[in-house]
Each structure stands twice: as C-alpha cells, then as structure tokens.
Amino acid sequence: MTSMTSWTANDLPDLTGRTVVITGAGRGLGLITARELARVGARVVLGVRDTDKARHAVADLPGAFEVRPLDVSDLTSVRAFADAWSGDLDILINNAGVMDIPAARTPDGLDVQTATNHTGPFLLTTLLLDHLTDRVVHVTSELHKQGRIDLTDLDWRTRKHNGMQAYQASKLAVVLFSLELQRRLTAAGSPVRSVLASPGIARTSLAAHSRSNVVNRFTFLTNAPERGALSLLYAATQDVPGNAYIGPDGLGGFRGSPTVRRPGKAGLDQALAGRLWDATADLVGAVAR
C-alpha cells in the first residue's frame, strides 16, 4: 500500500464512469484537480463564473469536461445550477473561494467572502445532496484554527469588517459545516461522506492576492499548486472516514504531502456546528424570501 506521505496524482484510481463537480475550477487548484480527475476517466463538470475562460483552460486537456455557469456567491446562480442537475453525482468538490478581500456585498446583500466560502457552498451542497452517491469535499484552510464564529453576526453586518478575520471565520465555518453534515448523513444511514481538504498555503492567485502578502513573506512555508492540489485529490478519491481532514504533512500543515490531520478544537465543536447550520439556513432563507 502506498504511504500517504509519498502519495501523488500517479496513485489516483481509475474513475471511469464517475461524475465530479468542481466549483471554481477554471484556474488554480480547481483546474489542477479537474485535469487530474479527468485524466483518470472521470467526467468533470466545472462550475465557474467565467465559462469562456474555463472552456479555454480545458480545451487541450485529455478527458471529458463540461463547463456550466456557477457563481457560488450568488444564491440565484446556485439554485439555477442545482435545479438544472439531473442524475447521479458521485463527488462534489467545493473549491471556489476568496481570501482577505475588502468588504463588499453580493446581489443578495450577503458579505462576499462569507457567501463565496461558506453560505453558497452550504446551499449548493444541501440542494445537490439527493443526487450525491459518494462524497462532498470541502476545501478549507489551516487558518480556520484562528477563526471565530459570531452567530449573532455571521454576515458581518454589525461588526467592523476585517478581511483576514472574515476569511478565517469562513474557513472555520467550512469545517463546522462538514462536521454537522456528516452527523446528519450518519444519522440518516447515508453512505455519502463529508470530507475536508486543506492545500496548505499554496502559491496560487488566491493567496497571492491576499493583502496579508503571506505567500511572498513566507515562501519557505508554501506548497507549489500541483502539490497543494494533492490534498483535494486524496480527499476526493481515497478511502477515508467521514469528516476526515486531509492536509499537508509538514510543519503546521502549511506544506508537504497529503495525510490525515486533525482540525482545530473549534472545528470539533458539535454543538456549535449544529447552531451554525441553523444560522446559515436562516440566513439563506431570509435572503431567498
């Protein structure tokens, strides 16, 4: 058996006949993940904002790709994508995200960063759940360990907005969403798994555009994008338990090869996870009405 510390994309299983949806797959980690899963036989559906750019990105790649419009920060777009889905969906990879951006609101009036990283993926996952046969992979960050959830102001309406704090909170919300989702799946007797993946600090445009400048200041702690994507690929294809947290095996989980790690203490708070689920559902419902 291949050890996790030496695991690479060359160890991916044959995925012929499997269907995968990857959000934000037009570039970066999402595109690498799409390329590798298609290479081993999966039908890969890219849910993206810029469909022309995504089609161009996969045009010369081997494998079966389909590009569909999806802006996870826009609840109307999320609902349209889910409503249009038919048939089984083996793997959903919630990859789309933004990091440490200035305060802004979506057309629904939601905080853009919270909506992109948590609220939209929450809605997408719950709407597609009846179609899922295998697993959901939620892309989070080691920075979730610094996150704090304020259930009274989940959407940054009363607090002074802080881009990095909003990012950390949204990634903690992702971890808690996985925890509660897995609890509900298990209680329902479902075979579907909820799995977490952290790429570490990958040298992609997401981190590079962060105002914290973390990539340029701490290059020695970062993963090349190809290596960062291994956590997503491992989480999507390997036999790991529900709510497993896959991340790099190096110091602090910032770089290295994929292994099973442990999320931060707050990410294991089942009571908080349940309350966050209810608060998120209320937020989505309030906006949808």
C-alpha atoms as a PDB file:
ATOM      1  CA  MET A   1       0.000   0.000   0.000  1.00  0.00           C
ATOM      2  CA  THR A   2       1.290   3.450  -0.910  1.00  0.00           C
ATOM      3  CA  SER A   3       2.013   5.581   2.137  1.00  0.00           C
ATOM      4  CA  MET A   4       0.229   8.918   2.289  1.00  0.00           C
ATOM      5  CA  THR A   5       3.492  10.826   2.586  1.00  0.00           C
ATOM      6  CA  SER A   6       4.591   9.533  -0.835  1.00  0.00           C
ATOM      7  CA  TRP A   7       1.176   9.702  -2.466  1.00  0.00           C
ATOM      8  CA  THR A   8       0.975  11.572  -5.765  1.00  0.00           C
ATOM      9  CA  ALA A   9      -1.505  12.040  -8.589  1.00  0.00           C
ATOM     10  CA  ASN A  10       0.053   8.975 -10.205  1.00  0.00           C
ATOM     11  CA  ASP A  11      -1.655   6.930  -7.484  1.00  0.00           C
ATOM     12  CA  LEU A  12      -5.168   8.050  -8.416  1.00  0.00           C
ATOM     13  CA  PRO A  13      -7.601   5.183  -9.050  1.00  0.00           C
ATOM     14  CA  ASP A  14      -9.496   4.668 -12.293  1.00  0.00           C
ATOM     15  CA  LEU A  15     -12.584   6.882 -12.156  1.00  0.00           C
ATOM     16  CA  THR A  16     -14.211   5.793 -15.400  1.00  0.00           C
ATOM     17  CA  GLY A  17     -17.963   6.234 -15.159  1.00  0.00           C
ATOM     18  CA  ARG A  18     -17.781   8.655 -12.224  1.00  0.00           C
ATOM     19  CA  THR A  19     -19.110  12.223 -12.320  1.00  0.00           C
ATOM     20  CA  VAL A  20     -17.415  15.039 -10.410  1.00  0.00           C
ATOM     21  CA  VAL A  21     -18.470  18.669  -9.936  1.00  0.00           C
ATOM     22  CA  ILE A  22     -15.722  21.129  -9.015  1.00  0.00           C
ATOM     23  CA  THR A  23     -16.581  24.745  -8.223  1.00  0.00           C
ATOM     24  CA  GLY A  24     -14.145  27.485  -9.180  1.00  0.00           C
ATOM     25  CA  ALA A  25     -12.283  25.052 -11.431  1.00  0.00           C
ATOM     26  CA  GLY A  26     -11.258  27.478 -14.159  1.00  0.00           C
ATOM     27  CA  ARG A  27      -7.821  28.057 -12.662  1.00  0.00           C
ATOM     28  CA  GLY A  28      -5.532  27.262  -9.752  1.00  0.00           C
ATOM     29  CA  LEU A  29      -6.124  24.250  -7.528  1.00  0.00           C
ATOM     30  CA  GLY A  30      -9.547  23.619  -9.020  1.00  0.00           C
ATOM     31  CA  LEU A  31      -8.198  23.382 -12.557  1.00  0.00           C
ATOM     32  CA  ILE A  32      -5.353  21.082 -11.499  1.00  0.00           C
ATOM     33  CA  THR A  33      -7.831  18.870  -9.675  1.00  0.00           C
ATOM     34  CA  ALA A  34     -10.152  18.823 -12.693  1.00  0.00           C
ATOM     35  CA  ARG A  35      -7.287  17.936 -15.024  1.00  0.00           C
ATOM     36  CA  GLU A  36      -6.088  15.029 -12.901  1.00  0.00           C
ATOM     37  CA  LEU A  37      -9.535  13.545 -12.251  1.00  0.00           C
ATOM     38  CA  ALA A  38     -10.416  13.725 -15.948  1.00  0.00           C
ATOM     39  CA  ARG A  39      -7.080  12.129 -16.796  1.00  0.00           C
ATOM     40  CA  VAL A  40      -8.097   9.002 -14.890  1.00  0.00           C
ATOM     41  CA  GLY A  41     -11.504   8.745 -16.500  1.00  0.00           C
ATOM     42  CA  ALA A  42     -13.924  10.936 -14.543  1.00  0.00           C
ATOM     43  CA  ARG A  43     -16.486  13.123 -16.229  1.00  0.00           C
ATOM     44  CA  VAL A  44     -15.658  16.508 -14.718  1.00  0.00           C
ATOM     45  CA  VAL A  45     -18.163  19.346 -14.582  1.00  0.00           C
ATOM     46  CA  LEU A  46     -16.593  22.741 -13.952  1.00  0.00           C
ATOM     47  CA  GLY A  47     -18.925  25.145 -12.167  1.00  0.00           C
ATOM     48  CA  VAL A  48     -17.444  28.577 -12.856  1.00  0.00           C
ATOM     49  CA  ARG A  49     -18.245  32.264 -13.206  1.00  0.00           C
ATOM     50  CA  ASP A  50     -16.259  32.760 -16.427  1.00  0.00           C
ATOM     51  CA  THR A  51     -17.332  29.914 -18.700  1.00  0.00           C
ATOM     52  CA  ASP A  52     -15.341  31.095 -21.729  1.00  0.00           C
ATOM     53  CA  LYS A  53     -12.102  31.166 -19.758  1.00  0.00           C
ATOM     54  CA  ALA A  54     -12.777  27.720 -18.293  1.00  0.00           C
ATOM     55  CA  ARG A  55     -13.525  26.208 -21.695  1.00  0.00           C
ATOM     56  CA  HIS A  56     -10.277  27.647 -22.990  1.00  0.00           C
ATOM     57  CA  ALA A  57      -8.390  26.240 -19.967  1.00  0.00           C
ATOM     58  CA  VAL A  58      -9.533  22.650 -20.598  1.00  0.00           C
ATOM     59  CA  ALA A  59      -9.706  22.771 -24.390  1.00  0.00           C
ATOM     60  CA  ASP A  60      -6.442  20.909 -24.952  1.00  0.00           C
ATOM     61  CA  LEU A  61      -6.618  18.606 -21.927  1.00  0.00           C
ATOM     62  CA  PRO A  62      -7.432  14.913 -22.320  1.00  0.00           C
ATOM     63  CA  GLY A  63     -10.648  13.672 -20.777  1.00  0.00           C
ATOM     64  CA  ALA A  64     -14.345  14.515 -20.543  1.00  0.00           C
ATOM     65  CA  PHE A  65     -15.111  18.044 -19.386  1.00  0.00           C
ATOM     66  CA  GLU A  66     -18.293  20.048 -19.184  1.00  0.00           C
ATOM     67  CA  VAL A  67     -18.449  23.718 -18.235  1.00  0.00           C
ATOM     68  CA  ARG A  68     -21.528  25.193 -16.553  1.00  0.00           C
ATOM     69  CA  PRO A  69     -22.130  28.699 -15.174  1.00  0.00           C
ATOM     70  CA  LEU A  70     -21.998  28.928 -11.384  1.00  0.00           C
ATOM     71  CA  ASP A  71     -21.241  31.829  -9.068  1.00  0.00           C
ATOM     72  CA  VAL A  72     -21.341  30.352  -5.574  1.00  0.00           C
ATOM     73  CA  SER A  73     -21.640  33.806  -4.006  1.00  0.00           C
ATOM     74  CA  ASP A  74     -24.937  34.368  -5.857  1.00  0.00           C
ATOM     75  CA  LEU A  75     -27.815  32.337  -4.411  1.00  0.00           C
ATOM     76  CA  THR A  76     -29.811  32.636  -7.634  1.00  0.00           C
ATOM     77  CA  SER A  77     -26.902  31.147  -9.583  1.00  0.00           C
ATOM     78  CA  VAL A  78     -26.503  28.354  -7.030  1.00  0.00           C
ATOM     79  CA  ARG A  79     -30.181  27.456  -7.212  1.00  0.00           C
ATOM     80  CA  ALA A  80     -30.140  27.517 -11.025  1.00  0.00           C
ATOM     81  CA  PHE A  81     -27.140  25.182 -11.144  1.00  0.00           C
ATOM     82  CA  ALA A  82     -28.737  22.744  -8.690  1.00  0.00           C
ATOM     83  CA  ASP A  83     -32.143  22.878 -10.390  1.00  0.00           C
ATOM     84  CA  ALA A  84     -30.538  22.011 -13.726  1.00  0.00           C
ATOM     85  CA  TRP A  85     -28.750  18.956 -12.343  1.00  0.00           C
ATOM     86  CA  SER A  86     -30.146  15.534 -13.203  1.00  0.00           C
ATOM     87  CA  GLY A  87     -28.856  12.066 -12.484  1.00  0.00           C
ATOM     88  CA  ASP A  88     -26.237  10.886 -10.037  1.00  0.00           C
ATOM     89  CA  LEU A  89     -23.338  12.981  -8.827  1.00  0.00           C
ATOM     90  CA  ASP A  90     -20.522  10.957  -7.318  1.00  0.00           C
ATOM     91  CA  ILE A  91     -18.259  13.698  -5.967  1.00  0.00           C
ATOM     92  CA  LEU A  92     -18.846  17.372  -5.239  1.00  0.00           C
ATOM     93  CA  ILE A  93     -15.717  19.441  -4.571  1.00  0.00           C
ATOM     94  CA  ASN A  94     -16.477  22.835  -3.037  1.00  0.00           C
ATOM     95  CA  ASN A  95     -13.279  24.529  -4.145  1.00  0.00           C
ATOM     96  CA  ALA A  96     -14.274  28.089  -5.110  1.00  0.00           C
ATOM     97  CA  GLY A  97     -13.086  30.684  -2.631  1.00  0.00           C
ATOM     98  CA  VAL A  98     -11.753  34.167  -1.993  1.00  0.00           C
ATOM     99  CA  MET A  99      -9.276  35.318   0.624  1.00  0.00           C
ATOM    100  CA  ASP A 100      -8.805  38.515   2.638  1.00  0.00           C
ATOM    101  CA  ILE A 101     -10.727  40.830   0.319  1.00  0.00           C
ATOM    102  CA  PRO A 102     -12.222  44.251   1.106  1.00  0.00           C
ATOM    103  CA  ALA A 103     -15.766  44.466   2.409  1.00  0.00           C
ATOM    104  CA  ALA A 104     -18.355  44.006  -0.329  1.00  0.00           C
ATOM    105  CA  ARG A 105     -21.890  42.713  -0.714  1.00  0.00           C
ATOM    106  CA  THR A 106     -23.368  40.246  -3.198  1.00  0.00           C
ATOM    107  CA  PRO A 107     -26.543  40.974  -5.198  1.00  0.00           C
ATOM    108  CA  ASP A 108     -28.368  39.170  -2.356  1.00  0.00           C
ATOM    109  CA  GLY A 109     -26.856  41.585   0.167  1.00  0.00           C
ATOM    110  CA  LEU A 110     -24.520  38.992   1.684  1.00  0.00           C
ATOM    111  CA  ASP A 111     -20.887  39.528   2.637  1.00  0.00           C
ATOM    112  CA  VAL A 112     -18.962  38.409  -0.467  1.00  0.00           C
ATOM    113  CA  GLN A 113     -16.272  36.470   1.368  1.00  0.00           C
ATOM    114  CA  THR A 114     -18.688  34.643   3.667  1.00  0.00           C
ATOM    115  CA  ALA A 115     -21.033  33.900   0.769  1.00  0.00           C
ATOM    116  CA  THR A 116     -18.290  32.575  -1.505  1.00  0.00           C
ATOM    117  CA  ASN A 117     -16.527  30.440   1.087  1.00  0.00           C
ATOM    118  CA  HIS A 118     -19.426  29.227   3.204  1.00  0.00           C
ATOM    119  CA  THR A 119     -23.002  30.326   2.501  1.00  0.00           C
ATOM    120  CA  GLY A 120     -23.013  29.473  -1.211  1.00  0.00           C
ATOM    121  CA  PRO A 121     -21.312  26.074  -0.803  1.00  0.00           C
ATOM    122  CA  PHE A 122     -23.720  25.296   2.060  1.00  0.00           C
ATOM    123  CA  LEU A 123     -26.702  25.956  -0.196  1.00  0.00           C
ATOM    124  CA  LEU A 124     -25.194  24.138  -3.188  1.00  0.00           C
ATOM    125  CA  THR A 125     -24.370  21.047  -1.143  1.00  0.00           C
ATOM    126  CA  THR A 126     -27.761  20.803   0.502  1.00  0.00           C
ATOM    127  CA  LEU A 127     -29.560  21.258  -2.817  1.00  0.00           C
ATOM    128  CA  LEU A 128     -27.462  18.549  -4.526  1.00  0.00           C
ATOM    129  CA  LEU A 129     -27.460  16.129  -1.607  1.00  0.00           C
ATOM    130  CA  ASP A 130     -30.155  13.855  -3.026  1.00  0.00           C
ATOM    131  CA  HIS A 131     -28.026  13.339  -6.146  1.00  0.00           C
ATOM    132  CA  LEU A 132     -24.780  12.523  -4.323  1.00  0.00           C
ATOM    133  CA  THR A 133     -23.575   8.925  -4.204  1.00  0.00           C
ATOM    134  CA  ASP A 134     -20.063   9.117  -2.725  1.00  0.00           C
ATOM    135  CA  ARG A 135     -18.789  12.269  -1.032  1.00  0.00           C
ATOM    136  CA  VAL A 136     -18.529  16.020  -0.656  1.00  0.00           C
ATOM    137  CA  VAL A 137     -15.066  17.560  -0.380  1.00  0.00           C
ATOM    138  CA  HIS A 138     -14.915  20.959   1.317  1.00  0.00           C
ATOM    139  CA  VAL A 139     -11.748  22.972   0.734  1.00  0.00           C
ATOM    140  CA  THR A 140     -10.726  24.716   3.938  1.00  0.00           C
ATOM    141  CA  SER A 141      -7.510  26.204   5.333  1.00  0.00           C
ATOM    142  CA  GLU A 142      -5.241  25.708   8.311  1.00  0.00           C
ATOM    143  CA  LEU A 143      -6.135  29.313   9.113  1.00  0.00           C
ATOM    144  CA  HIS A 144      -9.522  28.058  10.285  1.00  0.00           C
ATOM    145  CA  LYS A 145      -7.744  27.452  13.597  1.00  0.00           C
ATOM    146  CA  GLN A 146      -7.599  31.218  14.110  1.00  0.00           C
ATOM    147  CA  GLY A 147     -11.247  31.657  13.143  1.00  0.00           C
ATOM    148  CA  ARG A 148     -14.036  32.815  15.428  1.00  0.00           C
ATOM    149  CA  ILE A 149     -17.736  32.344  14.646  1.00  0.00           C
ATOM    150  CA  ASP A 150     -20.184  35.052  15.707  1.00  0.00           C
ATOM    151  CA  LEU A 151     -23.608  33.500  15.275  1.00  0.00           C
ATOM    152  CA  THR A 152     -25.277  36.835  16.007  1.00  0.00           C
ATOM    153  CA  ASP A 153     -23.445  38.492  13.103  1.00  0.00           C
ATOM    154  CA  LEU A 154     -22.484  35.692  10.737  1.00  0.00           C
ATOM    155  CA  ASP A 155     -22.708  38.024   7.748  1.00  0.00           C
ATOM    156  CA  TRP A 156     -20.620  40.950   9.106  1.00  0.00           C
ATOM    157  CA  ARG A 157     -23.438  43.463   9.341  1.00  0.00           C
ATOM    158  CA  THR A 158     -22.817  44.952  12.783  1.00  0.00           C
ATOM    159  CA  ARG A 159     -19.095  44.339  13.307  1.00  0.00           C
ATOM    160  CA  LYS A 160     -16.306  46.308  11.678  1.00  0.00           C
ATOM    161  CA  HIS A 161     -15.266  44.226   8.700  1.00  0.00           C
ATOM    162  CA  ASN A 162     -11.795  42.671   8.765  1.00  0.00           C
ATOM    163  CA  GLY A 163     -10.814  40.775   5.626  1.00  0.00           C
ATOM    164  CA  MET A 164      -8.499  38.236   7.209  1.00  0.00           C
ATOM    165  CA  GLN A 165     -10.782  37.623  10.182  1.00  0.00           C
ATOM    166  CA  ALA A 166     -13.688  37.112   7.796  1.00  0.00           C
ATOM    167  CA  TYR A 167     -11.593  34.617   5.843  1.00  0.00           C
ATOM    168  CA  GLN A 168     -10.569  32.695   8.957  1.00  0.00           C
ATOM    169  CA  ALA A 169     -14.162  32.612  10.191  1.00  0.00           C
ATOM    170  CA  SER A 170     -15.463  31.415   6.835  1.00  0.00           C
ATOM    171  CA  LYS A 171     -12.948  28.579   6.749  1.00  0.00           C
ATOM    172  CA  LEU A 172     -13.865  27.571  10.296  1.00  0.00           C
ATOM    173  CA  ALA A 173     -17.484  27.608   9.130  1.00  0.00           C
ATOM    174  CA  VAL A 174     -16.496  25.176   6.365  1.00  0.00           C
ATOM    175  CA  VAL A 175     -15.002  22.784   8.941  1.00  0.00           C
ATOM    176  CA  LEU A 176     -18.082  23.007  11.149  1.00  0.00           C
ATOM    177  CA  PHE A 177     -20.379  22.511   8.159  1.00  0.00           C
ATOM    178  CA  SER A 178     -18.591  19.272   7.342  1.00  0.00           C
ATOM    179  CA  LEU A 179     -18.914  18.100  10.943  1.00  0.00           C
ATOM    180  CA  GLU A 180     -22.670  18.720  11.076  1.00  0.00           C
ATOM    181  CA  LEU A 181     -23.242  17.403   7.566  1.00  0.00           C
ATOM    182  CA  GLN A 182     -21.504  14.143   8.442  1.00  0.00           C
ATOM    183  CA  ARG A 183     -23.560  13.843  11.637  1.00  0.00           C
ATOM    184  CA  ARG A 184     -26.745  14.200   9.621  1.00  0.00           C
ATOM    185  CA  LEU A 185     -25.598  11.777   6.922  1.00  0.00           C
ATOM    186  CA  THR A 186     -24.682   9.166   9.512  1.00  0.00           C
ATOM    187  CA  ALA A 187     -27.969   9.625  11.364  1.00  0.00           C
ATOM    188  CA  ALA A 188     -29.853   9.125   8.097  1.00  0.00           C
ATOM    189  CA  GLY A 189     -27.904   5.953   7.285  1.00  0.00           C
ATOM    190  CA  SER A 190     -26.450   7.542   4.155  1.00  0.00           C
ATOM    191  CA  PRO A 191     -23.221   6.148   2.652  1.00  0.00           C
ATOM    192  CA  VAL A 192     -22.236   9.634   1.469  1.00  0.00           C
ATOM    193  CA  ARG A 193     -19.177  11.087   3.193  1.00  0.00           C
ATOM    194  CA  SER A 194     -18.272  14.655   4.025  1.00  0.00           C
ATOM    195  CA  VAL A 195     -14.505  15.190   3.805  1.00  0.00           C
ATOM    196  CA  LEU A 196     -12.258  18.214   4.405  1.00  0.00           C
ATOM    197  CA  ALA A 197      -9.185  19.162   2.398  1.00  0.00           C
ATOM    198  CA  SER A 198      -6.584  21.810   3.150  1.00  0.00           C
ATOM    199  CA  PRO A 199      -3.961  22.514   0.467  1.00  0.00           C
ATOM    200  CA  GLY A 200      -1.720  24.246   2.989  1.00  0.00           C
ATOM    201  CA  ILE A 201      -0.509  27.611   1.775  1.00  0.00           C
ATOM    202  CA  ALA A 202      -0.452  27.054  -1.968  1.00  0.00           C
ATOM    203  CA  ARG A 203       1.210  29.545  -4.288  1.00  0.00           C
ATOM    204  CA  THR A 204      -1.947  30.394  -6.236  1.00  0.00           C
ATOM    205  CA  SER A 205      -3.590  33.681  -7.163  1.00  0.00           C
ATOM    206  CA  LEU A 206      -5.937  33.279  -4.181  1.00  0.00           C
ATOM    207  CA  ALA A 207      -3.164  33.607  -1.604  1.00  0.00           C
ATOM    208  CA  ALA A 208      -1.075  35.941  -3.746  1.00  0.00           C
ATOM    209  CA  HIS A 209      -3.900  38.483  -3.844  1.00  0.00           C
ATOM    210  CA  SER A 210      -4.351  38.437  -0.087  1.00  0.00           C
ATOM    211  CA  ARG A 211      -3.476  41.776   1.464  1.00  0.00           C
ATOM    212  CA  SER A 212      -1.530  39.889   4.141  1.00  0.00           C
ATOM    213  CA  ASN A 213       1.117  39.075   1.477  1.00  0.00           C
ATOM    214  CA  VAL A 214       1.647  35.744   3.226  1.00  0.00           C
ATOM    215  CA  VAL A 215       2.965  33.955   0.116  1.00  0.00           C
ATOM    216  CA  ASN A 216       5.745  36.417  -0.600  1.00  0.00           C
ATOM    217  CA  ARG A 217       6.761  36.749   3.047  1.00  0.00           C
ATOM    218  CA  PHE A 218       6.805  33.028   3.852  1.00  0.00           C
ATOM    219  CA  THR A 219       7.685  31.241   0.610  1.00  0.00           C
ATOM    220  CA  PHE A 220       9.572  28.571   2.544  1.00  0.00           C
ATOM    221  CA  LEU A 221       6.282  27.523   4.163  1.00  0.00           C
ATOM    222  CA  THR A 222       4.281  27.241   0.953  1.00  0.00           C
ATOM    223  CA  ASN A 223       3.253  24.447  -1.391  1.00  0.00           C
ATOM    224  CA  ALA A 224       3.522  24.574  -5.151  1.00  0.00           C
ATOM    225  CA  PRO A 225      -0.008  24.477  -6.622  1.00  0.00           C
ATOM    226  CA  GLU A 226       0.485  20.958  -8.010  1.00  0.00           C
ATOM    227  CA  ARG A 227       1.371  19.707  -4.546  1.00  0.00           C
ATOM    228  CA  GLY A 228      -1.354  21.687  -2.832  1.00  0.00           C
ATOM    229  CA  ALA A 229      -3.931  20.056  -5.096  1.00  0.00           C
ATOM    230  CA  LEU A 230      -2.903  16.627  -3.828  1.00  0.00           C
ATOM    231  CA  SER A 231      -4.927  17.156  -0.654  1.00  0.00           C
ATOM    232  CA  LEU A 232      -8.051  17.718  -2.755  1.00  0.00           C
ATOM    233  CA  LEU A 233      -7.314  14.706  -4.939  1.00  0.00           C
ATOM    234  CA  TYR A 234      -6.644  12.462  -1.955  1.00  0.00           C
ATOM    235  CA  ALA A 235      -9.781  13.616  -0.145  1.00  0.00           C
ATOM    236  CA  ALA A 236     -11.858  13.045  -3.295  1.00  0.00           C
ATOM    237  CA  THR A 237     -10.673   9.547  -4.128  1.00  0.00           C
ATOM    238  CA  GLN A 238      -9.194   7.677  -1.176  1.00  0.00           C
ATOM    239  CA  ASP A 239     -10.941   5.517   1.423  1.00  0.00           C
ATOM    240  CA  VAL A 240     -11.032   7.943   4.316  1.00  0.00           C
ATOM    241  CA  PRO A 241     -13.677   8.132   7.060  1.00  0.00           C
ATOM    242  CA  GLY A 242     -16.447  10.683   7.165  1.00  0.00           C
ATOM    243  CA  ASN A 243     -15.293  14.142   8.267  1.00  0.00           C
ATOM    244  CA  ALA A 244     -11.649  13.224   7.701  1.00  0.00           C
ATOM    245  CA  TYR A 245      -9.376  16.269   7.485  1.00  0.00           C
ATOM    246  CA  ILE A 246      -6.732  15.888   4.772  1.00  0.00           C
ATOM    247  CA  GLY A 247      -3.815  18.304   4.681  1.00  0.00           C
ATOM    248  CA  PRO A 248      -0.058  18.564   4.108  1.00  0.00           C
ATOM    249  CA  ASP A 249       2.141  16.561   6.470  1.00  0.00           C
ATOM    250  CA  GLY A 250       4.731  19.317   7.026  1.00  0.00           C
ATOM    251  CA  LEU A 251       5.169  21.733   9.895  1.00  0.00           C
ATOM    252  CA  GLY A 252       1.895  23.461  10.749  1.00  0.00           C
ATOM    253  CA  GLY A 253       0.111  21.776   7.859  1.00  0.00           C
ATOM    254  CA  PHE A 254       1.344  24.506   5.524  1.00  0.00           C
ATOM    255  CA  ARG A 255       3.282  22.379   3.055  1.00  0.00           C
ATOM    256  CA  GLY A 256       4.047  18.758   2.273  1.00  0.00           C
ATOM    257  CA  SER A 257       2.216  15.691   1.021  1.00  0.00           C
ATOM    258  CA  PRO A 258      -1.353  14.713   1.944  1.00  0.00           C
ATOM    259  CA  THR A 259      -2.044  12.981   5.215  1.00  0.00           C
ATOM    260  CA  VAL A 260      -4.904  12.703   7.683  1.00  0.00           C
ATOM    261  CA  ARG A 261      -4.615  15.584  10.127  1.00  0.00           C
ATOM    262  CA  ARG A 262      -6.817  16.964  12.888  1.00  0.00           C
ATOM    263  CA  PRO A 263      -8.786  20.202  12.611  1.00  0.00           C
ATOM    264  CA  GLY A 264      -8.596  22.893  15.254  1.00  0.00           C
ATOM    265  CA  LYS A 265     -10.504  22.438  18.506  1.00  0.00           C
ATOM    266  CA  ALA A 266     -13.320  24.797  17.474  1.00  0.00           C
ATOM    267  CA  GLY A 267     -13.842  22.701  14.351  1.00  0.00           C
ATOM    268  CA  LEU A 268     -14.760  19.724  16.548  1.00  0.00           C
ATOM    269  CA  ASP A 269     -17.494  21.529  18.484  1.00  0.00           C
ATOM    270  CA  GLN A 270     -20.609  19.581  17.526  1.00  0.00           C
ATOM    271  CA  ALA A 271     -22.967  21.917  19.372  1.00  0.00           C
ATOM    272  CA  LEU A 272     -21.537  24.948  17.576  1.00  0.00           C
ATOM    273  CA  ALA A 273     -21.742  23.086  14.268  1.00  0.00           C
ATOM    274  CA  GLY A 274     -25.444  22.480  14.782  1.00  0.00           C
ATOM    275  CA  ARG A 275     -26.121  26.093  15.680  1.00  0.00           C
ATOM    276  CA  LEU A 276     -24.104  27.299  12.688  1.00  0.00           C
ATOM    277  CA  TRP A 277     -26.141  25.055  10.380  1.00  0.00           C
ATOM    278  CA  ASP A 278     -29.356  26.615  11.663  1.00  0.00           C
ATOM    279  CA  ALA A 279     -27.953  30.157  11.453  1.00  0.00           C
ATOM    280  CA  THR A 280     -26.768  29.598   7.879  1.00  0.00           C
ATOM    281  CA  ALA A 281     -30.079  28.076   6.829  1.00  0.00           C
ATOM    282  CA  ASP A 282     -31.885  31.064   8.352  1.00  0.00           C
ATOM    283  CA  LEU A 283     -29.574  33.455   6.512  1.00  0.00           C
ATOM    284  CA  VAL A 284     -30.126  31.734   3.179  1.00  0.00           C
ATOM    285  CA  GLY A 285     -33.875  31.520   3.768  1.00  0.00           C
ATOM    286  CA  ALA A 286     -34.148  35.173   4.794  1.00  0.00           C
ATOM    287  CA  VAL A 287     -32.364  36.248   1.629  1.00  0.00           C
ATOM    288  CA  ALA A 288     -34.335  33.870  -0.573  1.00  0.00           C
ATOM    289  CA  ARG A 289     -37.727  35.213   0.556  1.00  0.00           C
END
